[in-house]
Amino acid sequence: MDKKEILVINGGGPLEGEVTISGAKNSALPILAACVLGTEEIILDGVPDLKDVEIMIEVLRHLGSKVEYISEDSVRIDSSELNTCETPFELMDKMRASFVVMGPLLSRFKEAYTKAPGGCNIGARPIDLHLKGFEALGATNIVNDDEISIKTDGKLIGNEVYLDFPSVGATQNIMMAATLANGVTTIENAAKEPEIVDLASFLSKMGAKIKGAGTSTITIEGVEKLTGTRHTIIPDRIEAASYMIAAAMTKGNVTINNVIGSHIRPVIAKLIEMGAEVDEIDDEDIIKVKVNKKLKPTNIQTLPYPGFPTDAQAQFMALMTICDGESKIQETVFENRFMHVEQLNKMGAAIATSGNRATIVGVDKLHGADVRATDLRAGAALVIAALIAEGETRVSDIYHIDRGYSNIVEKFTNLGADIKRVEI
């Protein structure tokens, strides 16, 4: 039988020290996919050491890209001689974000083949908005069971695309497809996330003509070709939020390096509202979080950016479990993102859910338990809760955590946590 890894955490004192945030997973993945569009060498810096990144690099190599690490977090990519427009089904099964390679493939080859993507089971995340965008640009989509074929007779044609929901993935896919289309494409009700802006910045360095990234209307004027460039991935705002929440949870004093405060404004605001001391040093991309008292309860509602991020909801719920009073959460982005509730309750939390709403009544303490990471952010929430729980917590299914947190054991250990990775 194959051995599995778990995290074993013993609750202890406050986290103290410094932690440096890695490059953003949700920026690195579409930017790696966009390398398919380049006809010259590309170098990406700040590439996080994550399972999802490994999978995306496997996808690129399968397509014919030459990919090599030139340092710990810098990657050289040469996609000048791609030899297929079909992405491997087994890789698509492992990671939902791999679907963003379809836009670049369609734009470059006029066709793309794949299967419906996998990833975290946090609710329906249909790809219909992606396909709707490709159709608007002149492509024909054929979906049989879970196989997807997208083709166009010639070059894609610029058009107006309205998204029913500001989907990050659809915005990225359509934006990349439009870079080599004939004419102008306008995406209305586009996602505004910093990762969209980072992708647009990268594409622009390659020669794309993109305006409006970061607003609800993005305009892309098609060009003949995209070349090479060097680009640094933005810091991961969700990783930064997670360490900020962990500092608050443990009544710690932590300095977070390589973080852009404007990207996580709602998290900062809520922590301050609860009684945490949060100091931003903007010109150095540093945030300091200090807590020396029991925090007050609060209410949050997840929303698309610039609202409170759904990707920080589970971690924030962990923090609410030990606040002085009742907190409420309304999850409006994904319908199945309370799977961590059962696991936190195993640790002594008092959380009740009804539909997309959760009520959290603060308790005096949590206790260690055997819990399971049901998805990426749920796993982070359980680790954060375990940092203050009495006794030992064993977190299984940590492959979810490894998809989104680079060197999590080392980073928490450096802050004074008692955490280790164990084979069972």
Protein backbone atom coordinates (compact mmCIF):
# COMPACT_ATOMS: atom_id res chain seq x y z
CA MET A 1 0.00 0.00 0.00
CA ASP A 2 1.27 3.47 -0.87
CA LYS A 3 2.32 5.57 2.08
CA LYS A 4 0.43 8.78 2.75
CA GLU A 5 1.65 11.99 4.30
CA ILE A 6 -0.11 13.87 7.08
CA LEU A 7 0.64 17.01 9.03
CA VAL A 8 1.07 16.58 12.78
CA ILE A 9 0.62 19.82 14.72
CA ASN A 10 0.88 20.47 18.44
CA GLY A 11 -0.82 23.64 19.59
CA GLY A 12 1.47 26.05 21.37
CA GLY A 13 2.35 29.67 21.90
CA PRO A 14 2.16 32.69 19.62
CA LEU A 15 3.74 32.78 16.17
CA GLU A 16 6.64 35.22 16.08
CA GLY A 17 9.12 36.24 13.41
CA GLU A 18 9.07 36.83 9.67
CA VAL A 19 7.63 34.97 6.71
CA THR A 20 8.12 35.69 3.00
CA ILE A 21 5.18 35.17 0.68
CA SER A 22 5.66 33.17 -2.52
CA GLY A 23 4.44 34.06 -5.99
CA ALA A 24 0.69 33.81 -6.53
CA LYS A 25 -0.60 30.39 -7.55
CA ASN A 26 -3.62 31.94 -9.28
CA SER A 27 -1.32 34.21 -11.27
CA ALA A 28 1.42 31.71 -12.06
CA LEU A 29 -0.94 29.13 -13.60
CA PRO A 30 -2.56 31.34 -16.30
CA ILE A 31 0.77 33.03 -17.02
CA LEU A 32 2.40 29.64 -17.56
CA ALA A 33 -0.51 28.76 -19.87
CA ALA A 34 -0.01 32.04 -21.72
CA CYS A 35 3.57 31.01 -22.52
CA VAL A 36 1.98 28.81 -25.22
CA LEU A 37 1.40 32.06 -27.14
CA GLY A 38 5.05 33.12 -27.14
CA THR A 39 7.33 32.40 -30.08
CA GLU A 40 10.53 33.27 -28.21
CA GLU A 41 12.15 32.43 -24.86
CA ILE A 42 10.27 33.51 -21.73
CA ILE A 43 11.64 33.69 -18.18
CA LEU A 44 9.28 33.76 -15.21
CA ASP A 45 10.52 34.74 -11.75
CA GLY A 46 8.70 34.20 -8.46
CA VAL A 47 7.21 30.87 -9.59
CA PRO A 48 5.86 29.14 -6.45
CA ASP A 49 6.88 25.59 -5.55
CA LEU A 50 3.43 23.99 -5.73
CA LYS A 51 1.82 20.77 -6.99
CA ASP A 52 -0.48 22.76 -9.28
CA VAL A 53 2.52 24.51 -10.84
CA GLU A 54 4.18 21.12 -11.39
CA ILE A 55 1.05 19.93 -13.20
CA MET A 56 0.88 23.02 -15.42
CA ILE A 57 4.54 22.59 -16.33
CA GLU A 58 3.78 18.94 -17.21
CA VAL A 59 0.96 20.19 -19.46
CA LEU A 60 3.35 22.59 -21.24
CA ARG A 61 5.96 19.88 -21.74
CA HIS A 62 3.32 17.53 -23.14
CA LEU A 63 2.38 20.24 -25.66
CA GLY A 64 6.03 20.51 -26.74
CA SER A 65 7.29 23.44 -24.67
CA LYS A 66 10.82 23.28 -23.31
CA VAL A 67 10.68 24.12 -19.61
CA GLU A 68 13.63 24.26 -17.22
CA TYR A 69 14.29 25.78 -13.81
CA ILE A 70 17.21 28.22 -13.84
CA SER A 71 16.95 28.92 -10.09
CA GLU A 72 14.75 27.90 -7.17
CA ASP A 73 11.82 30.03 -8.36
CA SER A 74 12.77 31.06 -11.92
CA VAL A 75 11.68 29.09 -14.99
CA ARG A 76 12.73 29.35 -18.64
CA ILE A 77 10.06 28.40 -21.20
CA ASP A 78 10.46 28.00 -24.95
CA SER A 79 7.19 27.29 -26.77
CA SER A 80 8.45 28.03 -30.27
CA GLU A 81 8.02 24.42 -31.41
CA LEU A 82 4.77 23.08 -29.98
CA ASN A 83 3.71 19.76 -31.49
CA THR A 84 0.16 19.16 -30.27
CA CYS A 85 -2.99 21.05 -29.32
CA GLU A 86 -4.39 18.24 -27.16
CA THR A 87 -3.89 18.45 -23.41
CA PRO A 88 -3.49 15.14 -21.55
CA PHE A 89 -6.71 14.03 -19.91
CA GLU A 90 -5.02 12.66 -16.78
CA LEU A 91 -3.47 16.06 -16.03
CA MET A 92 -6.71 17.95 -16.61
CA ASP A 93 -8.33 15.64 -14.07
CA LYS A 94 -5.90 16.78 -11.39
CA MET A 95 -6.30 20.53 -11.70
CA ARG A 96 -9.13 22.78 -12.75
CA ALA A 97 -6.88 25.72 -13.66
CA SER A 98 -5.32 23.68 -16.46
CA PHE A 99 -8.34 24.60 -18.60
CA VAL A 100 -6.88 28.09 -19.10
CA VAL A 101 -4.47 26.58 -21.61
CA MET A 102 -7.40 26.20 -24.04
CA GLY A 103 -7.58 29.90 -24.95
CA PRO A 104 -3.90 30.13 -25.89
CA LEU A 105 -4.02 26.83 -27.83
CA LEU A 106 -7.12 27.91 -29.75
CA SER A 107 -5.54 31.25 -30.60
CA ARG A 108 -2.28 29.73 -31.79
CA PHE A 109 -3.44 26.48 -33.45
CA LYS A 110 -7.09 27.31 -34.35
CA GLU A 111 -8.10 24.19 -32.43
CA ALA A 112 -7.80 22.65 -28.97
CA TYR A 113 -8.82 19.34 -27.39
CA THR A 114 -9.18 18.37 -23.77
CA LYS A 115 -11.58 17.00 -21.14
CA ALA A 116 -13.61 18.73 -18.46
CA PRO A 117 -11.22 19.89 -15.70
CA GLY A 118 -10.98 18.56 -12.15
CA GLY A 119 -9.64 20.26 -8.99
CA CYS A 120 -11.17 21.00 -5.60
CA ASN A 121 -14.72 19.80 -5.05
CA ILE A 122 -16.07 23.10 -3.70
CA GLY A 123 -19.10 23.37 -5.94
CA ALA A 124 -20.13 23.83 -9.53
CA ARG A 125 -17.65 25.88 -11.53
CA PRO A 126 -18.93 25.37 -15.04
CA ILE A 127 -16.81 26.17 -18.06
CA ASP A 128 -19.79 27.44 -20.03
CA LEU A 129 -18.60 31.05 -19.74
CA HIS A 130 -15.24 30.07 -21.26
CA LEU A 131 -16.97 28.26 -24.13
CA LYS A 132 -19.42 31.14 -24.63
CA GLY A 133 -16.46 33.49 -25.01
CA PHE A 134 -14.73 31.24 -27.54
CA GLU A 135 -17.98 31.03 -29.55
CA ALA A 136 -18.27 34.81 -29.59
CA LEU A 137 -14.80 34.92 -31.16
CA GLY A 138 -15.89 32.54 -33.92
CA ALA A 139 -15.02 29.11 -32.52
CA THR A 140 -17.19 26.00 -32.58
CA ASN A 141 -17.41 24.04 -29.34
CA ILE A 142 -18.24 20.32 -29.29
CA VAL A 143 -18.79 18.70 -25.90
CA ASN A 144 -19.27 14.92 -25.81
CA ASP A 145 -19.58 13.47 -22.31
CA ASP A 146 -16.49 14.97 -20.70
CA GLU A 147 -14.47 15.50 -23.90
CA ILE A 148 -14.21 19.01 -25.32
CA SER A 149 -13.23 20.01 -28.84
CA ILE A 150 -12.88 23.67 -29.84
CA LYS A 151 -12.15 24.70 -33.44
CA THR A 152 -12.19 27.67 -35.75
CA ASP A 153 -11.92 27.73 -39.54
CA GLY A 154 -9.44 30.59 -39.53
CA LYS A 155 -8.24 33.27 -37.17
CA LEU A 156 -10.48 34.16 -34.28
CA ILE A 157 -12.47 37.34 -34.85
CA GLY A 158 -12.67 40.09 -32.23
CA ASN A 159 -16.11 40.61 -30.71
CA GLU A 160 -17.98 41.81 -27.64
CA VAL A 161 -18.26 39.23 -24.84
CA TYR A 162 -20.49 39.74 -21.80
CA LEU A 163 -19.86 37.45 -18.84
CA ASP A 164 -22.94 36.56 -16.78
CA PHE A 165 -20.61 36.30 -13.77
CA PRO A 166 -17.15 37.92 -13.42
CA SER A 167 -15.35 34.58 -13.69
CA VAL A 168 -11.58 34.85 -13.24
CA GLY A 169 -10.83 31.79 -15.38
CA ALA A 170 -13.17 32.80 -18.20
CA THR A 171 -11.78 36.34 -18.22
CA GLN A 172 -8.23 34.97 -18.48
CA ASN A 173 -9.06 32.39 -21.15
CA ILE A 174 -10.96 34.82 -23.37
CA MET A 175 -8.31 37.51 -22.92
CA MET A 176 -5.57 35.11 -24.01
CA ALA A 177 -7.59 33.81 -26.96
CA ALA A 178 -8.23 37.38 -28.13
CA THR A 179 -4.57 38.44 -28.17
CA LEU A 180 -3.99 36.99 -31.67
CA ALA A 181 -7.53 37.48 -33.02
CA ASN A 182 -8.40 39.75 -35.92
CA GLY A 183 -9.85 43.01 -34.63
CA VAL A 184 -10.89 44.20 -31.18
CA THR A 185 -12.43 42.11 -28.39
CA THR A 186 -14.24 43.69 -25.45
CA ILE A 187 -14.96 41.67 -22.30
CA GLU A 188 -17.79 43.17 -20.25
CA ASN A 189 -18.37 42.27 -16.58
CA ALA A 190 -14.80 41.01 -16.52
CA ALA A 191 -13.15 39.82 -13.30
CA LYS A 192 -11.07 42.52 -11.60
CA GLU A 193 -8.67 40.39 -9.56
CA PRO A 194 -4.98 41.37 -9.28
CA GLU A 195 -4.17 38.10 -11.07
CA ILE A 196 -6.04 39.44 -14.13
CA VAL A 197 -3.89 42.58 -14.05
CA ASP A 198 -0.72 40.47 -13.71
CA LEU A 199 -1.67 38.33 -16.72
CA ALA A 200 -2.42 41.43 -18.79
CA SER A 201 0.94 42.93 -17.77
CA PHE A 202 2.73 39.76 -18.84
CA LEU A 203 0.89 39.55 -22.18
CA SER A 204 1.58 43.23 -22.83
CA LYS A 205 5.31 42.67 -22.30
CA MET A 206 5.04 39.99 -25.02
CA GLY A 207 3.48 42.50 -27.41
CA ALA A 208 -0.26 42.17 -26.72
CA LYS A 209 -2.47 45.28 -26.75
CA ILE A 210 -4.69 45.18 -23.67
CA LYS A 211 -6.48 48.00 -21.87
CA GLY A 212 -8.73 48.06 -18.82
CA ALA A 213 -7.39 45.06 -16.87
CA GLY A 214 -8.50 45.48 -13.27
CA THR A 215 -11.78 47.10 -14.34
CA SER A 216 -15.06 45.51 -15.44
CA THR A 217 -14.32 46.25 -19.12
CA ILE A 218 -11.20 44.85 -20.79
CA THR A 219 -10.32 45.65 -24.41
CA ILE A 220 -7.92 43.51 -26.43
CA GLU A 221 -6.71 44.51 -29.87
CA GLY A 222 -5.39 41.47 -31.72
CA VAL A 223 -1.77 41.42 -32.91
CA GLU A 224 0.10 39.20 -35.39
CA LYS A 225 2.36 37.45 -32.88
CA LEU A 226 3.62 37.48 -29.32
CA THR A 227 7.33 37.29 -28.54
CA GLY A 228 9.39 36.60 -25.42
CA THR A 229 9.91 38.50 -22.17
CA ARG A 230 10.90 38.26 -18.50
CA HIS A 231 8.25 38.70 -15.82
CA THR A 232 7.95 38.42 -12.04
CA ILE A 233 4.78 36.83 -10.63
CA ILE A 234 2.91 38.98 -8.08
CA PRO A 235 2.86 37.84 -4.42
CA ASP A 236 0.12 35.38 -3.40
CA ARG A 237 -2.51 37.46 -1.61
CA ILE A 238 -4.30 34.39 -0.22
CA GLU A 239 -1.11 32.93 1.23
CA ALA A 240 -0.43 36.34 2.79
CA ALA A 241 -3.96 36.48 4.22
CA SER A 242 -3.52 32.98 5.67
CA TYR A 243 -0.37 33.92 7.58
CA MET A 244 -1.98 37.15 8.78
CA ILE A 245 -4.93 35.15 10.11
CA ALA A 246 -2.56 32.61 11.70
CA ALA A 247 -0.72 35.43 13.47
CA ALA A 248 -4.04 36.74 14.82
CA MET A 249 -5.24 33.24 15.79
CA THR A 250 -2.17 32.59 17.95
CA LYS A 251 -2.00 36.11 19.44
CA GLY A 252 1.31 36.42 17.67
CA ASN A 253 3.59 39.10 16.28
CA VAL A 254 4.47 38.33 12.66
CA THR A 255 6.08 40.34 9.88
CA ILE A 256 4.89 39.30 6.43
CA ASN A 257 7.27 40.15 3.58
CA ASN A 258 6.47 40.38 -0.14
CA VAL A 259 2.78 41.30 0.25
CA ILE A 260 0.77 43.99 -1.55
CA GLY A 261 -1.68 45.49 0.94
CA SER A 262 -4.09 46.80 -1.68
CA HIS A 263 -4.67 43.22 -2.87
CA ILE A 264 -6.06 42.09 0.52
CA ARG A 265 -7.77 45.24 1.76
CA PRO A 266 -10.94 43.43 3.02
CA VAL A 267 -8.88 40.98 5.11
CA ILE A 268 -6.87 43.82 6.64
CA ALA A 269 -10.04 45.79 7.39
CA LYS A 270 -11.73 42.85 9.12
CA LEU A 271 -8.69 42.00 11.23
CA ILE A 272 -8.48 45.61 12.41
CA GLU A 273 -12.23 45.61 13.10
CA MET A 274 -11.74 42.55 15.32
CA GLY A 275 -9.01 44.25 17.33
CA ALA A 276 -5.77 43.18 15.64
CA GLU A 277 -2.90 45.62 15.12
CA VAL A 278 -2.07 45.70 11.41
CA ASP A 279 0.74 47.96 10.17
CA GLU A 280 1.49 48.35 6.48
CA ILE A 281 4.87 49.45 5.14
CA ASP A 282 3.75 50.06 1.57
CA ASP A 283 7.04 51.08 -0.05
CA GLU A 284 8.62 47.84 1.20
CA ASP A 285 5.64 45.49 0.61
CA ILE A 286 5.58 44.51 4.30
CA ILE A 287 2.64 43.98 6.67
CA LYS A 288 3.01 43.43 10.43
CA VAL A 289 0.25 41.72 12.42
CA LYS A 290 0.18 41.76 16.22
CA VAL A 291 -2.53 40.56 18.61
CA ASN A 292 -2.34 40.53 22.41
CA LYS A 293 -6.01 40.19 23.41
CA LYS A 294 -9.13 38.17 22.64
CA LEU A 295 -10.58 39.32 19.33
CA LYS A 296 -14.10 40.60 18.79
CA PRO A 297 -16.57 38.77 16.51
CA THR A 298 -17.42 40.07 13.06
CA ASN A 299 -19.51 39.26 9.99
CA ILE A 300 -18.23 38.67 6.47
CA GLN A 301 -19.79 38.12 3.06
CA THR A 302 -17.64 36.67 0.30
CA LEU A 303 -17.77 38.50 -3.01
CA PRO A 304 -15.79 38.73 -6.24
CA TYR A 305 -12.78 41.06 -6.03
CA PRO A 306 -12.48 43.68 -4.56
CA GLY A 307 -14.87 42.12 -2.00
CA PHE A 308 -13.88 39.68 0.73
CA PRO A 309 -12.16 36.72 -1.00
CA THR A 310 -13.88 33.35 -0.89
CA ASP A 311 -10.37 31.84 -0.78
CA ALA A 312 -9.86 33.33 2.71
CA GLN A 313 -13.29 32.39 4.09
CA ALA A 314 -12.31 29.04 5.65
CA GLN A 315 -9.23 30.50 7.35
CA PHE A 316 -11.26 33.39 8.71
CA MET A 317 -13.87 30.98 10.02
CA ALA A 318 -11.12 29.21 11.99
CA LEU A 319 -10.22 32.56 13.58
CA MET A 320 -13.86 33.26 14.43
CA THR A 321 -14.11 30.02 16.44
CA ILE A 322 -12.19 31.61 19.34
CA CYS A 323 -13.59 35.16 19.17
CA ASP A 324 -15.54 36.65 22.06
CA GLY A 325 -19.10 36.26 20.74
CA GLU A 326 -21.05 35.29 17.62
CA SER A 327 -19.80 35.78 14.06
CA LYS A 328 -21.59 35.17 10.78
CA ILE A 329 -20.42 34.26 7.28
CA GLN A 330 -22.36 34.40 4.05
CA GLU A 331 -20.70 32.53 1.17
CA THR A 332 -21.92 33.92 -2.17
CA VAL A 333 -19.28 32.62 -4.59
CA PHE A 334 -19.29 28.80 -4.21
CA GLU A 335 -22.23 26.75 -2.97
CA ASN A 336 -20.17 23.95 -1.41
CA ARG A 337 -17.53 25.81 0.52
CA PHE A 338 -18.45 24.87 4.09
CA MET A 339 -16.94 21.37 4.03
CA HIS A 340 -14.42 22.47 6.66
CA VAL A 341 -17.21 23.13 9.19
CA GLU A 342 -17.51 19.47 10.22
CA GLN A 343 -13.75 19.24 10.62
CA LEU A 344 -13.49 22.39 12.75
CA ASN A 345 -16.38 21.18 14.91
CA LYS A 346 -14.39 17.99 15.57
CA MET A 347 -11.84 20.29 17.20
CA GLY A 348 -14.43 21.78 19.55
CA ALA A 349 -15.69 24.68 17.42
CA ALA A 350 -19.35 25.70 17.62
CA ILE A 351 -20.40 26.29 14.01
CA ALA A 352 -23.86 25.83 12.50
CA THR A 353 -24.72 26.22 8.82
CA SER A 354 -27.91 26.86 6.89
CA GLY A 355 -27.60 26.99 3.13
CA ASN A 356 -24.86 29.48 2.29
CA ARG A 357 -24.75 30.98 5.80
CA ALA A 358 -22.70 29.96 8.82
CA THR A 359 -22.98 31.08 12.42
CA ILE A 360 -19.86 30.74 14.57
CA VAL A 361 -20.06 31.06 18.35
CA GLY A 362 -16.66 31.66 19.91
CA VAL A 363 -15.37 29.04 22.36
CA ASP A 364 -12.68 29.30 25.04
CA LYS A 365 -10.43 26.73 23.41
CA LEU A 366 -10.08 24.15 20.66
CA HIS A 367 -8.66 20.65 21.10
CA GLY A 368 -6.56 18.47 18.86
CA ALA A 369 -8.27 15.90 16.63
CA ASP A 370 -7.82 13.76 13.52
CA VAL A 371 -9.19 15.92 10.69
CA ARG A 372 -9.18 15.88 6.91
CA ALA A 373 -8.37 18.63 4.43
CA THR A 374 -11.49 18.54 2.23
CA ASP A 375 -10.08 21.17 -0.15
CA LEU A 376 -7.16 23.57 -0.43
CA ARG A 377 -8.37 26.45 1.76
CA ALA A 378 -10.12 24.11 4.20
CA GLY A 379 -6.73 22.49 4.76
CA ALA A 380 -5.16 25.86 5.57
CA ALA A 381 -7.99 26.60 8.01
CA LEU A 382 -7.38 23.33 9.87
CA VAL A 383 -3.64 24.01 10.14
CA ILE A 384 -4.36 27.49 11.52
CA ALA A 385 -6.86 26.12 14.04
CA ALA A 386 -4.41 23.40 15.10
CA LEU A 387 -1.79 26.02 15.99
CA ILE A 388 -3.78 26.95 19.14
CA ALA A 389 -5.60 23.68 19.82
CA GLU A 390 -4.75 21.80 23.00
CA GLY A 391 -2.87 18.62 22.20
CA GLU A 392 -2.08 17.04 18.85
CA THR A 393 -3.93 17.55 15.57
CA ARG A 394 -3.36 15.21 12.62
CA VAL A 395 -4.38 16.62 9.25
CA SER A 396 -4.81 14.10 6.40
CA ASP A 397 -5.37 14.54 2.64
CA ILE A 398 -2.71 17.26 2.70
CA TYR A 399 -2.16 16.99 -1.05
CA HIS A 400 -4.86 19.66 -1.20
CA ILE A 401 -2.72 21.98 0.93
CA ASP A 402 0.37 21.30 -1.19
CA ARG A 403 -1.54 22.52 -4.24
CA GLY A 404 -1.59 26.07 -2.89
CA TYR A 405 0.95 26.59 -0.10
CA SER A 406 4.65 26.52 -0.83
CA ASN A 407 6.89 25.14 1.96
CA ILE A 408 4.11 25.48 4.54
CA VAL A 409 5.86 23.31 7.15
CA GLU A 410 9.13 25.22 6.89
CA LYS A 411 7.43 28.61 6.99
CA PHE A 412 5.34 27.82 10.06
CA THR A 413 8.29 26.12 11.79
CA ASN A 414 10.35 29.28 11.30
CA LEU A 415 7.59 31.21 13.08
CA GLY A 416 7.80 28.88 16.07
CA ALA A 417 5.02 26.40 15.29
CA ASP A 418 5.31 22.72 16.23
CA ILE A 419 4.39 21.21 12.87
CA LYS A 420 5.86 18.32 10.92
CA ARG A 421 5.13 16.19 7.88
CA VAL A 422 4.84 12.49 8.69
CA GLU A 423 4.48 9.40 6.49
CA ILE A 424 1.89 6.85 7.60
